[in-house]
Amino acid sequence: MKIGINGLGRIGRCVLRAIFELNFHNQIDLVAINGSTNIDIHKHLIQYDSVHGKFPYNVHKNSQGIEICGKTIPLLLEKDPANIPWEKYGVEIVIECTGKFNTKELSQKHLNSTVKKVIVSAPVSDSDCTIIYGVNNSILKSNHDIISAGSCTTNCVAPILDIMDNNVGIKSGFITTIHSYTNDQNLVDNNHKDIRRARACMMSIIPTTTGATKTIELIIPHLKGKINGTAIRVPTPNISMSNIVFNTVKETNKNEINNIIKNESQTSEVISFTEEKLVSIDFTHTTYSAIVDLSETNVIDNNLCYISAWYDNEWAFAVRLLDIATLLKQYLDDK
């Protein structure tokens, strides 16, 4: 299965690294990448990362692009998806990571004689489907060409809400994501459409919004109107936490809630747990969408529940994009 990556920012580079670090290259052949700057900068930022550390494989430059483990990966520099010559390299799936083409109209510009599927690393309101890996994989169909992977926060929260709803029922809930700053924010005070995000991200705790609840309503429709949420940006570069408060249909207690998480983690690819007293940096480079901190679980009056879950908002989300790509492989021959 031949894929191309459009956008070599935080998520795009994590996707590239994960292909090699996690042996996705046994299923996925990365045949082209499209970036926005010169090859020397891309090469350096792939090799060295201030959050995820040095890439364990040497990255070399050659006349076509970069070389990793003896494999040449052509580097393209096109701004318009319609102009990227994916077909030259036989690309079948594009992982869209620029953050700029988050509508069906824009992302489908990638589609051509060889590209049959596009996975977008952001919510897309009019996508053919939204897949939160580990929650609604089964809805994927062969005629779904533009697939949204939701957001990193949705990938953390949705699996937890899904299993809690299946086991104890959810009447209503509220999510607070305590999220590391992103490159959407300003290092120093500057213009921004969100007044609070206009402020220096390293100097304040910044309340803002999250679109995670809208995506949750898409993938768990019967929770529509029952879940809301907010986001708080904090001065750390990576690793976030979702605090989930919900009212249950059935009476429950802390032990039952934690046992549900423990049992689910035995078979889940996306949910894990910890009973250690850890802090955010300890979860860097984790592949799980959610790591529930069991020591933080609380239940009041048998129905009001609180669950806290850590997630690497870069690395885990990048791995989910590759997981979705592997799901799509079965449909490529149908096109």
C-alpha atoms as a PDB file:
ATOM      1  CA  MET A   1       0.000   0.000   0.000  1.00  0.00           C
ATOM      2  CA  LYS A   2       1.643   3.214  -1.178  1.00  0.00           C
ATOM      3  CA  ILE A   3       1.037   6.386   0.801  1.00  0.00           C
ATOM      4  CA  GLY A   4       2.075  10.017   0.627  1.00  0.00           C
ATOM      5  CA  ILE A   5       2.168  12.572   3.430  1.00  0.00           C
ATOM      6  CA  ASN A   6       1.087  16.152   2.760  1.00  0.00           C
ATOM      7  CA  GLY A   7       2.481  18.483   5.410  1.00  0.00           C
ATOM      8  CA  LEU A   8       5.629  17.916   7.448  1.00  0.00           C
ATOM      9  CA  GLY A   9       4.706  19.802  10.586  1.00  0.00           C
ATOM     10  CA  ARG A  10       4.288  18.283  14.040  1.00  0.00           C
ATOM     11  CA  ILE A  11       1.834  15.554  12.998  1.00  0.00           C
ATOM     12  CA  GLY A  12       3.255  14.861   9.544  1.00  0.00           C
ATOM     13  CA  ARG A  13       6.737  14.257  10.915  1.00  0.00           C
ATOM     14  CA  CYS A  14       5.345  11.994  13.636  1.00  0.00           C
ATOM     15  CA  VAL A  15       3.529   9.969  10.976  1.00  0.00           C
ATOM     16  CA  LEU A  16       6.774   9.602   9.027  1.00  0.00           C
ATOM     17  CA  ARG A  17       8.733   8.573  12.110  1.00  0.00           C
ATOM     18  CA  ALA A  18       6.072   6.115  13.270  1.00  0.00           C
ATOM     19  CA  ILE A  19       6.162   4.280   9.939  1.00  0.00           C
ATOM     20  CA  PHE A  20       9.770   3.349  10.665  1.00  0.00           C
ATOM     21  CA  GLU A  21       9.834   3.269  14.474  1.00  0.00           C
ATOM     22  CA  LEU A  22       6.725   1.097  14.834  1.00  0.00           C
ATOM     23  CA  ASN A  23       7.314  -1.154  11.826  1.00  0.00           C
ATOM     24  CA  PHE A  24       4.350   0.135   9.849  1.00  0.00           C
ATOM     25  CA  HIS A  25       6.684  -0.093   6.850  1.00  0.00           C
ATOM     26  CA  ASN A  26       5.804  -3.802   6.751  1.00  0.00           C
ATOM     27  CA  GLN A  27       2.304  -2.762   5.603  1.00  0.00           C
ATOM     28  CA  ILE A  28       2.811   0.786   4.375  1.00  0.00           C
ATOM     29  CA  ASP A  29       5.185   1.995   1.681  1.00  0.00           C
ATOM     30  CA  LEU A  30       5.894   5.712   2.090  1.00  0.00           C
ATOM     31  CA  VAL A  31       6.699   6.760  -1.468  1.00  0.00           C
ATOM     32  CA  ALA A  32       6.455  10.582  -1.387  1.00  0.00           C
ATOM     33  CA  ILE A  33       6.188  13.519   0.996  1.00  0.00           C
ATOM     34  CA  ASN A  34       5.095  17.079   0.289  1.00  0.00           C
ATOM     35  CA  GLY A  35       6.517  19.868   2.426  1.00  0.00           C
ATOM     36  CA  SER A  36       6.748  23.624   2.524  1.00  0.00           C
ATOM     37  CA  THR A  37      10.414  24.482   3.014  1.00  0.00           C
ATOM     38  CA  ASN A  38      13.838  23.443   1.778  1.00  0.00           C
ATOM     39  CA  ILE A  39      15.131  19.912   2.112  1.00  0.00           C
ATOM     40  CA  ASP A  40      17.822  20.764   4.669  1.00  0.00           C
ATOM     41  CA  ILE A  41      15.292  22.076   7.176  1.00  0.00           C
ATOM     42  CA  HIS A  42      12.927  19.135   6.664  1.00  0.00           C
ATOM     43  CA  LYS A  43      15.806  16.677   7.015  1.00  0.00           C
ATOM     44  CA  HIS A  44      16.987  18.303  10.246  1.00  0.00           C
ATOM     45  CA  LEU A  45      13.526  18.476  11.831  1.00  0.00           C
ATOM     46  CA  ILE A  46      12.870  14.813  11.046  1.00  0.00           C
ATOM     47  CA  GLN A  47      16.212  13.774  12.533  1.00  0.00           C
ATOM     48  CA  TYR A  48      16.014  15.946  15.664  1.00  0.00           C
ATOM     49  CA  ASP A  49      12.876  16.677  17.663  1.00  0.00           C
ATOM     50  CA  SER A  50      12.763  18.693  20.883  1.00  0.00           C
ATOM     51  CA  VAL A  51       9.815  16.670  22.207  1.00  0.00           C
ATOM     52  CA  HIS A  52      10.201  13.164  20.808  1.00  0.00           C
ATOM     53  CA  GLY A  53      13.980  13.037  20.753  1.00  0.00           C
ATOM     54  CA  LYS A  54      16.359  12.021  18.003  1.00  0.00           C
ATOM     55  CA  PHE A  55      14.953   9.810  15.251  1.00  0.00           C
ATOM     56  CA  PRO A  56      16.669   6.429  15.745  1.00  0.00           C
ATOM     57  CA  TYR A  57      17.498   6.127  12.033  1.00  0.00           C
ATOM     58  CA  ASN A  58      19.843   8.389  10.102  1.00  0.00           C
ATOM     59  CA  VAL A  59      18.209  10.770   7.637  1.00  0.00           C
ATOM     60  CA  HIS A  60      20.259  11.566   4.545  1.00  0.00           C
ATOM     61  CA  LYS A  61      19.704  14.021   1.725  1.00  0.00           C
ATOM     62  CA  ASN A  62      19.944  13.030  -1.924  1.00  0.00           C
ATOM     63  CA  SER A  63      18.990  14.489  -5.295  1.00  0.00           C
ATOM     64  CA  GLN A  64      15.351  13.387  -4.994  1.00  0.00           C
ATOM     65  CA  GLY A  65      14.605  14.053  -1.349  1.00  0.00           C
ATOM     66  CA  ILE A  66      15.555  12.203   1.802  1.00  0.00           C
ATOM     67  CA  GLU A  67      16.856   8.713   2.444  1.00  0.00           C
ATOM     68  CA  ILE A  68      16.003   6.587   5.496  1.00  0.00           C
ATOM     69  CA  CYS A  69      17.222   3.016   5.979  1.00  0.00           C
ATOM     70  CA  GLY A  70      18.397   2.936   2.373  1.00  0.00           C
ATOM     71  CA  LYS A  71      14.982   4.011   1.067  1.00  0.00           C
ATOM     72  CA  THR A  72      14.678   7.210  -0.962  1.00  0.00           C
ATOM     73  CA  ILE A  73      11.549   9.245  -0.244  1.00  0.00           C
ATOM     74  CA  PRO A  74      11.007  12.015  -2.808  1.00  0.00           C
ATOM     75  CA  LEU A  75      10.344  15.448  -1.285  1.00  0.00           C
ATOM     76  CA  LEU A  76       7.873  17.639  -3.164  1.00  0.00           C
ATOM     77  CA  LEU A  77       7.166  21.321  -2.536  1.00  0.00           C
ATOM     78  CA  GLU A  78       3.703  22.085  -3.892  1.00  0.00           C
ATOM     79  CA  LYS A  79       1.239  24.414  -2.140  1.00  0.00           C
ATOM     80  CA  ASP A  80      -1.893  23.306  -4.006  1.00  0.00           C
ATOM     81  CA  PRO A  81      -2.926  19.654  -3.502  1.00  0.00           C
ATOM     82  CA  ALA A  82      -4.136  19.536  -7.105  1.00  0.00           C
ATOM     83  CA  ASN A  83      -0.573  20.155  -8.293  1.00  0.00           C
ATOM     84  CA  ILE A  84       1.139  17.457  -6.226  1.00  0.00           C
ATOM     85  CA  PRO A  85       2.223  14.710  -8.672  1.00  0.00           C
ATOM     86  CA  TRP A  86       1.198  11.814  -6.447  1.00  0.00           C
ATOM     87  CA  GLU A  87       0.421   9.652  -9.459  1.00  0.00           C
ATOM     88  CA  LYS A  88       4.074   9.809 -10.546  1.00  0.00           C
ATOM     89  CA  TYR A  89       4.914   7.748  -7.466  1.00  0.00           C
ATOM     90  CA  GLY A  90       1.820   5.552  -7.467  1.00  0.00           C
ATOM     91  CA  VAL A  91       0.449   7.015  -4.224  1.00  0.00           C
ATOM     92  CA  GLU A  92      -2.819   5.307  -3.259  1.00  0.00           C
ATOM     93  CA  ILE A  93      -3.585   7.007   0.078  1.00  0.00           C
ATOM     94  CA  VAL A  94      -2.693  10.555   1.105  1.00  0.00           C
ATOM     95  CA  ILE A  95      -2.438  11.455   4.769  1.00  0.00           C
ATOM     96  CA  GLU A  96      -3.326  15.147   4.839  1.00  0.00           C
ATOM     97  CA  CYS A  97      -1.497  16.813   7.744  1.00  0.00           C
ATOM     98  CA  THR A  98      -1.214  20.490   6.817  1.00  0.00           C
ATOM     99  CA  GLY A  99      -4.280  21.631   8.745  1.00  0.00           C
ATOM    100  CA  LYS A 100      -5.154  23.810   5.738  1.00  0.00           C
ATOM    101  CA  PHE A 101      -7.422  21.512   3.723  1.00  0.00           C
ATOM    102  CA  ASN A 102     -10.041  20.517   6.267  1.00  0.00           C
ATOM    103  CA  THR A 103     -13.061  20.412   3.971  1.00  0.00           C
ATOM    104  CA  LYS A 104     -14.122  17.741   1.524  1.00  0.00           C
ATOM    105  CA  GLU A 105     -13.850  20.179  -1.385  1.00  0.00           C
ATOM    106  CA  LEU A 106     -10.224  20.999  -0.597  1.00  0.00           C
ATOM    107  CA  SER A 107      -8.988  17.601   0.514  1.00  0.00           C
ATOM    108  CA  GLN A 108     -10.456  15.779  -2.489  1.00  0.00           C
ATOM    109  CA  LYS A 109      -8.040  17.730  -4.693  1.00  0.00           C
ATOM    110  CA  HIS A 110      -5.571  14.977  -3.806  1.00  0.00           C
ATOM    111  CA  LEU A 111      -7.692  12.370  -5.593  1.00  0.00           C
ATOM    112  CA  ASN A 112      -6.395  11.383  -9.015  1.00  0.00           C
ATOM    113  CA  SER A 113      -5.714   8.319 -11.154  1.00  0.00           C
ATOM    114  CA  THR A 114      -3.809   6.586  -8.350  1.00  0.00           C
ATOM    115  CA  VAL A 115      -4.908   8.340  -5.136  1.00  0.00           C
ATOM    116  CA  LYS A 116      -8.184   6.761  -4.035  1.00  0.00           C
ATOM    117  CA  LYS A 117      -8.372   7.745  -0.355  1.00  0.00           C
ATOM    118  CA  VAL A 118      -7.473  10.779   1.751  1.00  0.00           C
ATOM    119  CA  ILE A 119      -7.151  10.681   5.538  1.00  0.00           C
ATOM    120  CA  VAL A 120      -7.388  14.137   7.111  1.00  0.00           C
ATOM    121  CA  SER A 121      -5.729  14.772  10.469  1.00  0.00           C
ATOM    122  CA  ALA A 122      -8.500  17.098  11.635  1.00  0.00           C
ATOM    123  CA  PRO A 123     -12.283  17.261  11.933  1.00  0.00           C
ATOM    124  CA  VAL A 124     -13.966  17.625   8.530  1.00  0.00           C
ATOM    125  CA  SER A 125     -17.668  18.410   8.844  1.00  0.00           C
ATOM    126  CA  ASP A 126     -18.570  17.135   5.369  1.00  0.00           C
ATOM    127  CA  SER A 127     -16.174  14.194   5.087  1.00  0.00           C
ATOM    128  CA  ASP A 128     -17.471  10.878   3.787  1.00  0.00           C
ATOM    129  CA  CYS A 129     -16.984   9.556   7.310  1.00  0.00           C
ATOM    130  CA  THR A 130     -15.186  10.224  10.567  1.00  0.00           C
ATOM    131  CA  ILE A 131     -13.308   7.272  12.001  1.00  0.00           C
ATOM    132  CA  ILE A 132     -12.200   7.283  15.618  1.00  0.00           C
ATOM    133  CA  TYR A 133     -10.038   4.196  15.550  1.00  0.00           C
ATOM    134  CA  GLY A 134     -11.144   1.642  18.104  1.00  0.00           C
ATOM    135  CA  VAL A 135     -14.660   3.074  18.370  1.00  0.00           C
ATOM    136  CA  ASN A 136     -16.434   3.045  15.009  1.00  0.00           C
ATOM    137  CA  ASN A 137     -14.100   1.221  12.621  1.00  0.00           C
ATOM    138  CA  SER A 138     -17.009  -0.888  11.392  1.00  0.00           C
ATOM    139  CA  ILE A 139     -18.739   2.013   9.604  1.00  0.00           C
ATOM    140  CA  LEU A 140     -15.939   2.312   7.047  1.00  0.00           C
ATOM    141  CA  LYS A 141     -17.126   1.489   3.526  1.00  0.00           C
ATOM    142  CA  SER A 142     -15.437   1.190   0.153  1.00  0.00           C
ATOM    143  CA  ASN A 143     -17.092   4.382  -1.147  1.00  0.00           C
ATOM    144  CA  HIS A 144     -15.643   6.495   1.670  1.00  0.00           C
ATOM    145  CA  ASP A 145     -12.854   8.444  -0.017  1.00  0.00           C
ATOM    146  CA  ILE A 146     -12.383  11.446   2.299  1.00  0.00           C
ATOM    147  CA  ILE A 147     -11.952  10.190   5.851  1.00  0.00           C
ATOM    148  CA  SER A 148     -11.527  12.421   8.877  1.00  0.00           C
ATOM    149  CA  ALA A 149      -9.589  11.068  11.853  1.00  0.00           C
ATOM    150  CA  GLY A 150     -11.192  13.617  14.178  1.00  0.00           C
ATOM    151  CA  SER A 151      -8.823  15.256  16.635  1.00  0.00           C
ATOM    152  CA  CYS A 152      -6.326  14.053  19.207  1.00  0.00           C
ATOM    153  CA  THR A 153      -8.759  14.971  21.983  1.00  0.00           C
ATOM    154  CA  THR A 154     -11.671  13.122  20.379  1.00  0.00           C
ATOM    155  CA  ASN A 155      -9.463  10.053  20.019  1.00  0.00           C
ATOM    156  CA  CYS A 156      -8.760  10.229  23.757  1.00  0.00           C
ATOM    157  CA  VAL A 157     -12.293  10.868  24.963  1.00  0.00           C
ATOM    158  CA  ALA A 158     -14.503   8.898  22.563  1.00  0.00           C
ATOM    159  CA  PRO A 159     -13.249   5.387  23.463  1.00  0.00           C
ATOM    160  CA  ILE A 160     -13.788   6.104  27.160  1.00  0.00           C
ATOM    161  CA  LEU A 161     -17.288   7.492  26.653  1.00  0.00           C
ATOM    162  CA  ASP A 162     -18.133   4.567  24.399  1.00  0.00           C
ATOM    163  CA  ILE A 163     -17.191   1.858  26.893  1.00  0.00           C
ATOM    164  CA  MET A 164     -18.762   3.714  29.817  1.00  0.00           C
ATOM    165  CA  ASP A 165     -21.968   4.180  27.871  1.00  0.00           C
ATOM    166  CA  ASN A 166     -22.000   0.480  27.005  1.00  0.00           C
ATOM    167  CA  ASN A 167     -21.416  -0.593  30.613  1.00  0.00           C
ATOM    168  CA  VAL A 168     -23.150   1.913  32.904  1.00  0.00           C
ATOM    169  CA  GLY A 169     -24.972   4.244  30.501  1.00  0.00           C
ATOM    170  CA  ILE A 170     -24.358   7.977  30.163  1.00  0.00           C
ATOM    171  CA  LYS A 171     -27.102  10.528  30.837  1.00  0.00           C
ATOM    172  CA  SER A 172     -24.925  13.599  30.330  1.00  0.00           C
ATOM    173  CA  GLY A 173     -21.337  14.685  30.605  1.00  0.00           C
ATOM    174  CA  PHE A 174     -18.757  17.454  30.417  1.00  0.00           C
ATOM    175  CA  ILE A 175     -15.183  17.240  29.154  1.00  0.00           C
ATOM    176  CA  THR A 176     -12.300  19.516  30.065  1.00  0.00           C
ATOM    177  CA  THR A 177      -9.172  18.961  28.028  1.00  0.00           C
ATOM    178  CA  ILE A 178      -6.006  20.368  29.552  1.00  0.00           C
ATOM    179  CA  HIS A 179      -4.043  20.703  26.356  1.00  0.00           C
ATOM    180  CA  SER A 180      -0.440  21.570  25.584  1.00  0.00           C
ATOM    181  CA  TYR A 181       0.098  24.644  23.444  1.00  0.00           C
ATOM    182  CA  THR A 182       0.210  24.164  19.664  1.00  0.00           C
ATOM    183  CA  ASN A 183       1.606  26.134  16.744  1.00  0.00           C
ATOM    184  CA  ASP A 184      -1.836  27.687  16.312  1.00  0.00           C
ATOM    185  CA  GLN A 185      -0.961  29.878  19.296  1.00  0.00           C
ATOM    186  CA  ASN A 186       1.440  32.786  19.623  1.00  0.00           C
ATOM    187  CA  LEU A 187       4.822  32.680  21.324  1.00  0.00           C
ATOM    188  CA  VAL A 188       4.419  36.399  22.062  1.00  0.00           C
ATOM    189  CA  ASP A 189       1.238  38.478  22.074  1.00  0.00           C
ATOM    190  CA  ASN A 190       0.059  38.865  18.487  1.00  0.00           C
ATOM    191  CA  ASN A 191      -3.007  38.823  16.252  1.00  0.00           C
ATOM    192  CA  HIS A 192      -5.335  35.811  16.402  1.00  0.00           C
ATOM    193  CA  LYS A 193      -9.018  35.255  15.662  1.00  0.00           C
ATOM    194  CA  ASP A 194      -9.371  33.898  19.218  1.00  0.00           C
ATOM    195  CA  ILE A 195      -8.548  36.774  21.585  1.00  0.00           C
ATOM    196  CA  ARG A 196      -7.206  34.467  24.275  1.00  0.00           C
ATOM    197  CA  ARG A 197      -5.041  32.522  21.842  1.00  0.00           C
ATOM    198  CA  ALA A 198      -3.609  35.869  20.779  1.00  0.00           C
ATOM    199  CA  ARG A 199      -1.730  35.915  24.074  1.00  0.00           C
ATOM    200  CA  ALA A 200       1.736  34.460  24.707  1.00  0.00           C
ATOM    201  CA  CYS A 201       1.282  30.708  25.075  1.00  0.00           C
ATOM    202  CA  MET A 202       4.251  30.230  27.418  1.00  0.00           C
ATOM    203  CA  MET A 203       3.095  32.771  29.981  1.00  0.00           C
ATOM    204  CA  SER A 204      -0.497  31.870  30.812  1.00  0.00           C
ATOM    205  CA  ILE A 205      -3.097  29.180  31.288  1.00  0.00           C
ATOM    206  CA  ILE A 206      -5.428  29.948  28.393  1.00  0.00           C
ATOM    207  CA  PRO A 207      -9.122  28.982  28.308  1.00  0.00           C
ATOM    208  CA  THR A 208     -10.363  28.228  24.802  1.00  0.00           C
ATOM    209  CA  THR A 209     -12.732  25.932  22.928  1.00  0.00           C
ATOM    210  CA  THR A 210     -12.680  22.332  21.732  1.00  0.00           C
ATOM    211  CA  GLY A 211     -14.472  20.788  18.785  1.00  0.00           C
ATOM    212  CA  ALA A 212     -14.240  17.312  20.283  1.00  0.00           C
ATOM    213  CA  THR A 213     -17.850  17.206  21.455  1.00  0.00           C
ATOM    214  CA  LYS A 214     -19.197  17.836  17.941  1.00  0.00           C
ATOM    215  CA  THR A 215     -17.230  14.875  16.642  1.00  0.00           C
ATOM    216  CA  ILE A 216     -18.399  12.696  19.523  1.00  0.00           C
ATOM    217  CA  GLU A 217     -21.994  13.420  18.505  1.00  0.00           C
ATOM    218  CA  LEU A 218     -21.151  12.207  14.995  1.00  0.00           C
ATOM    219  CA  ILE A 219     -19.729   8.881  16.082  1.00  0.00           C
ATOM    220  CA  ILE A 220     -22.002   8.219  19.088  1.00  0.00           C
ATOM    221  CA  PRO A 221     -25.242   9.802  17.808  1.00  0.00           C
ATOM    222  CA  HIS A 222     -27.432   8.995  20.805  1.00  0.00           C
ATOM    223  CA  LEU A 223     -25.190  11.221  22.965  1.00  0.00           C
ATOM    224  CA  LYS A 224     -26.079  14.256  20.850  1.00  0.00           C
ATOM    225  CA  GLY A 225     -27.006  17.153  23.108  1.00  0.00           C
ATOM    226  CA  LYS A 226     -25.810  15.278  26.194  1.00  0.00           C
ATOM    227  CA  ILE A 227     -22.069  16.047  26.062  1.00  0.00           C
ATOM    228  CA  ASN A 228     -20.293  19.401  26.108  1.00  0.00           C
ATOM    229  CA  GLY A 229     -16.773  20.519  26.799  1.00  0.00           C
ATOM    230  CA  THR A 230     -14.060  23.133  26.965  1.00  0.00           C
ATOM    231  CA  ALA A 231     -10.296  23.341  26.611  1.00  0.00           C
ATOM    232  CA  ILE A 232      -7.541  24.885  28.664  1.00  0.00           C
ATOM    233  CA  ARG A 233      -4.178  25.446  26.973  1.00  0.00           C
ATOM    234  CA  VAL A 234      -1.173  25.188  29.283  1.00  0.00           C
ATOM    235  CA  PRO A 235       2.533  26.101  28.879  1.00  0.00           C
ATOM    236  CA  THR A 236       3.857  22.615  28.063  1.00  0.00           C
ATOM    237  CA  PRO A 237       4.905  21.507  24.543  1.00  0.00           C
ATOM    238  CA  ASN A 238       3.256  18.075  24.473  1.00  0.00           C
ATOM    239  CA  ILE A 239       1.068  15.612  26.400  1.00  0.00           C
ATOM    240  CA  SER A 240      -2.463  16.549  27.318  1.00  0.00           C
ATOM    241  CA  MET A 241      -5.117  15.343  29.734  1.00  0.00           C
ATOM    242  CA  SER A 242      -8.871  14.938  29.394  1.00  0.00           C
ATOM    243  CA  ASN A 243     -11.011  15.204  32.506  1.00  0.00           C
ATOM    244  CA  ILE A 244     -14.390  13.593  31.906  1.00  0.00           C
ATOM    245  CA  VAL A 245     -17.356  14.107  34.219  1.00  0.00           C
ATOM    246  CA  PHE A 246     -20.565  12.200  33.495  1.00  0.00           C
ATOM    247  CA  ASN A 247     -23.840  11.116  35.060  1.00  0.00           C
ATOM    248  CA  THR A 248     -24.631   7.419  34.722  1.00  0.00           C
ATOM    249  CA  VAL A 249     -27.888   5.600  34.083  1.00  0.00           C
ATOM    250  CA  LYS A 250     -26.945   2.733  36.405  1.00  0.00           C
ATOM    251  CA  GLU A 251     -25.595   3.156  39.897  1.00  0.00           C
ATOM    252  CA  THR A 252     -21.867   2.525  40.070  1.00  0.00           C
ATOM    253  CA  ASN A 253     -18.736   3.051  42.160  1.00  0.00           C
ATOM    254  CA  LYS A 254     -15.033   3.744  41.738  1.00  0.00           C
ATOM    255  CA  ASN A 255     -14.011   0.087  41.726  1.00  0.00           C
ATOM    256  CA  GLU A 256     -16.503  -0.794  39.018  1.00  0.00           C
ATOM    257  CA  ILE A 257     -15.424   2.113  36.812  1.00  0.00           C
ATOM    258  CA  ASN A 258     -11.750   1.208  37.177  1.00  0.00           C
ATOM    259  CA  ASN A 259     -12.436  -2.469  36.545  1.00  0.00           C
ATOM    260  CA  ILE A 260     -14.265  -1.585  33.336  1.00  0.00           C
ATOM    261  CA  ILE A 261     -11.160   0.296  32.193  1.00  0.00           C
ATOM    262  CA  LYS A 262      -8.841  -2.548  33.218  1.00  0.00           C
ATOM    263  CA  ASN A 263     -10.917  -5.154  31.417  1.00  0.00           C
ATOM    264  CA  GLU A 264     -11.168  -3.055  28.268  1.00  0.00           C
ATOM    265  CA  SER A 265      -7.421  -2.425  28.195  1.00  0.00           C
ATOM    266  CA  GLN A 266      -6.733  -6.157  27.942  1.00  0.00           C
ATOM    267  CA  THR A 267      -7.993  -6.240  24.362  1.00  0.00           C
ATOM    268  CA  SER A 268      -7.939  -2.598  23.275  1.00  0.00           C
ATOM    269  CA  GLU A 269      -5.313  -1.080  20.996  1.00  0.00           C
ATOM    270  CA  VAL A 270      -6.230   2.435  22.096  1.00  0.00           C
ATOM    271  CA  ILE A 271      -6.968   2.390  25.850  1.00  0.00           C
ATOM    272  CA  SER A 272      -4.524   1.708  28.656  1.00  0.00           C
ATOM    273  CA  PHE A 273      -4.284   2.682  32.320  1.00  0.00           C
ATOM    274  CA  THR A 274      -1.792   3.555  35.004  1.00  0.00           C
ATOM    275  CA  GLU A 275      -1.886   3.251  38.774  1.00  0.00           C
ATOM    276  CA  GLU A 276       1.425   5.061  39.231  1.00  0.00           C
ATOM    277  CA  LYS A 277       1.679   8.683  40.341  1.00  0.00           C
ATOM    278  CA  LEU A 278       2.974  10.010  37.036  1.00  0.00           C
ATOM    279  CA  VAL A 279       3.147  13.453  35.419  1.00  0.00           C
ATOM    280  CA  SER A 280       2.662  14.544  31.837  1.00  0.00           C
ATOM    281  CA  ILE A 281       6.214  14.105  30.543  1.00  0.00           C
ATOM    282  CA  ASP A 282       6.086  10.414  31.488  1.00  0.00           C
ATOM    283  CA  PHE A 283       3.615   9.792  28.653  1.00  0.00           C
ATOM    284  CA  THR A 284       5.743  11.180  25.826  1.00  0.00           C
ATOM    285  CA  HIS A 285       5.715   8.913  22.760  1.00  0.00           C
ATOM    286  CA  THR A 286       2.924   6.672  24.051  1.00  0.00           C
ATOM    287  CA  THR A 287       0.875   5.056  21.301  1.00  0.00           C
ATOM    288  CA  TYR A 288      -2.387   4.790  23.263  1.00  0.00           C
ATOM    289  CA  SER A 289      -5.201   7.236  22.537  1.00  0.00           C
ATOM    290  CA  ALA A 290      -5.997   7.350  26.262  1.00  0.00           C
ATOM    291  CA  ILE A 291      -4.150   6.244  29.386  1.00  0.00           C
ATOM    292  CA  VAL A 292      -6.601   6.416  32.270  1.00  0.00           C
ATOM    293  CA  ASP A 293      -5.127   7.469  35.614  1.00  0.00           C
ATOM    294  CA  LEU A 294      -7.002   5.097  37.913  1.00  0.00           C
ATOM    295  CA  SER A 295      -5.886   6.934  41.052  1.00  0.00           C
ATOM    296  CA  GLU A 296      -7.873   9.972  39.888  1.00  0.00           C
ATOM    297  CA  THR A 297     -11.171   8.152  39.295  1.00  0.00           C
ATOM    298  CA  ASN A 298     -13.972   9.316  41.557  1.00  0.00           C
ATOM    299  CA  VAL A 299     -17.676   8.577  41.941  1.00  0.00           C
ATOM    300  CA  ILE A 300     -20.071  10.695  43.997  1.00  0.00           C
ATOM    301  CA  ASP A 301     -23.514   9.543  45.093  1.00  0.00           C
ATOM    302  CA  ASN A 302     -23.298   6.413  42.886  1.00  0.00           C
ATOM    303  CA  ASN A 303     -23.956   8.302  39.639  1.00  0.00           C
ATOM    304  CA  LEU A 304     -21.614  11.274  39.197  1.00  0.00           C
ATOM    305  CA  CYS A 305     -18.329   9.962  37.779  1.00  0.00           C
ATOM    306  CA  TYR A 306     -14.944  11.524  37.108  1.00  0.00           C
ATOM    307  CA  ILE A 307     -12.277   9.950  34.875  1.00  0.00           C
ATOM    308  CA  SER A 308      -8.902  11.457  34.022  1.00  0.00           C
ATOM    309  CA  ALA A 309      -6.943  10.299  30.967  1.00  0.00           C
ATOM    310  CA  TRP A 310      -3.527  11.241  29.591  1.00  0.00           C
ATOM    311  CA  TYR A 311      -2.641  11.294  25.891  1.00  0.00           C
ATOM    312  CA  ASP A 312       0.277  12.215  23.675  1.00  0.00           C
ATOM    313  CA  ASN A 313      -1.573  14.657  21.465  1.00  0.00           C
ATOM    314  CA  GLU A 314       1.044  14.302  18.712  1.00  0.00           C
ATOM    315  CA  TRP A 315       2.446  10.772  18.645  1.00  0.00           C
ATOM    316  CA  ALA A 316      -0.681   8.772  19.517  1.00  0.00           C
ATOM    317  CA  PHE A 317      -2.755  10.728  17.006  1.00  0.00           C
ATOM    318  CA  ALA A 318      -0.153  10.116  14.286  1.00  0.00           C
ATOM    319  CA  VAL A 319      -0.318   6.383  15.010  1.00  0.00           C
ATOM    320  CA  ARG A 320      -4.108   6.464  14.689  1.00  0.00           C
ATOM    321  CA  LEU A 321      -3.752   7.965  11.197  1.00  0.00           C
ATOM    322  CA  LEU A 322      -1.614   4.994  10.215  1.00  0.00           C
ATOM    323  CA  ASP A 323      -4.065   2.586  11.843  1.00  0.00           C
ATOM    324  CA  ILE A 324      -6.832   4.022   9.667  1.00  0.00           C
ATOM    325  CA  ALA A 325      -4.611   3.676   6.604  1.00  0.00           C
ATOM    326  CA  THR A 326      -4.227  -0.038   7.321  1.00  0.00           C
ATOM    327  CA  LEU A 327      -8.025  -0.337   7.554  1.00  0.00           C
ATOM    328  CA  LEU A 328      -8.359   1.238   4.112  1.00  0.00           C
ATOM    329  CA  LYS A 329      -6.047  -1.232   2.434  1.00  0.00           C
ATOM    330  CA  GLN A 330      -8.854  -3.755   1.938  1.00  0.00           C
ATOM    331  CA  TYR A 331     -10.818  -1.250  -0.149  1.00  0.00           C
ATOM    332  CA  LEU A 332      -8.101  -0.128  -2.556  1.00  0.00           C
ATOM    333  CA  ASP A 333      -8.614  -3.045  -4.927  1.00  0.00           C
ATOM    334  CA  ASP A 334     -12.302  -2.151  -5.219  1.00  0.00           C
ATOM    335  CA  LYS A 335     -11.624   1.240  -6.786  1.00  0.00           C
END
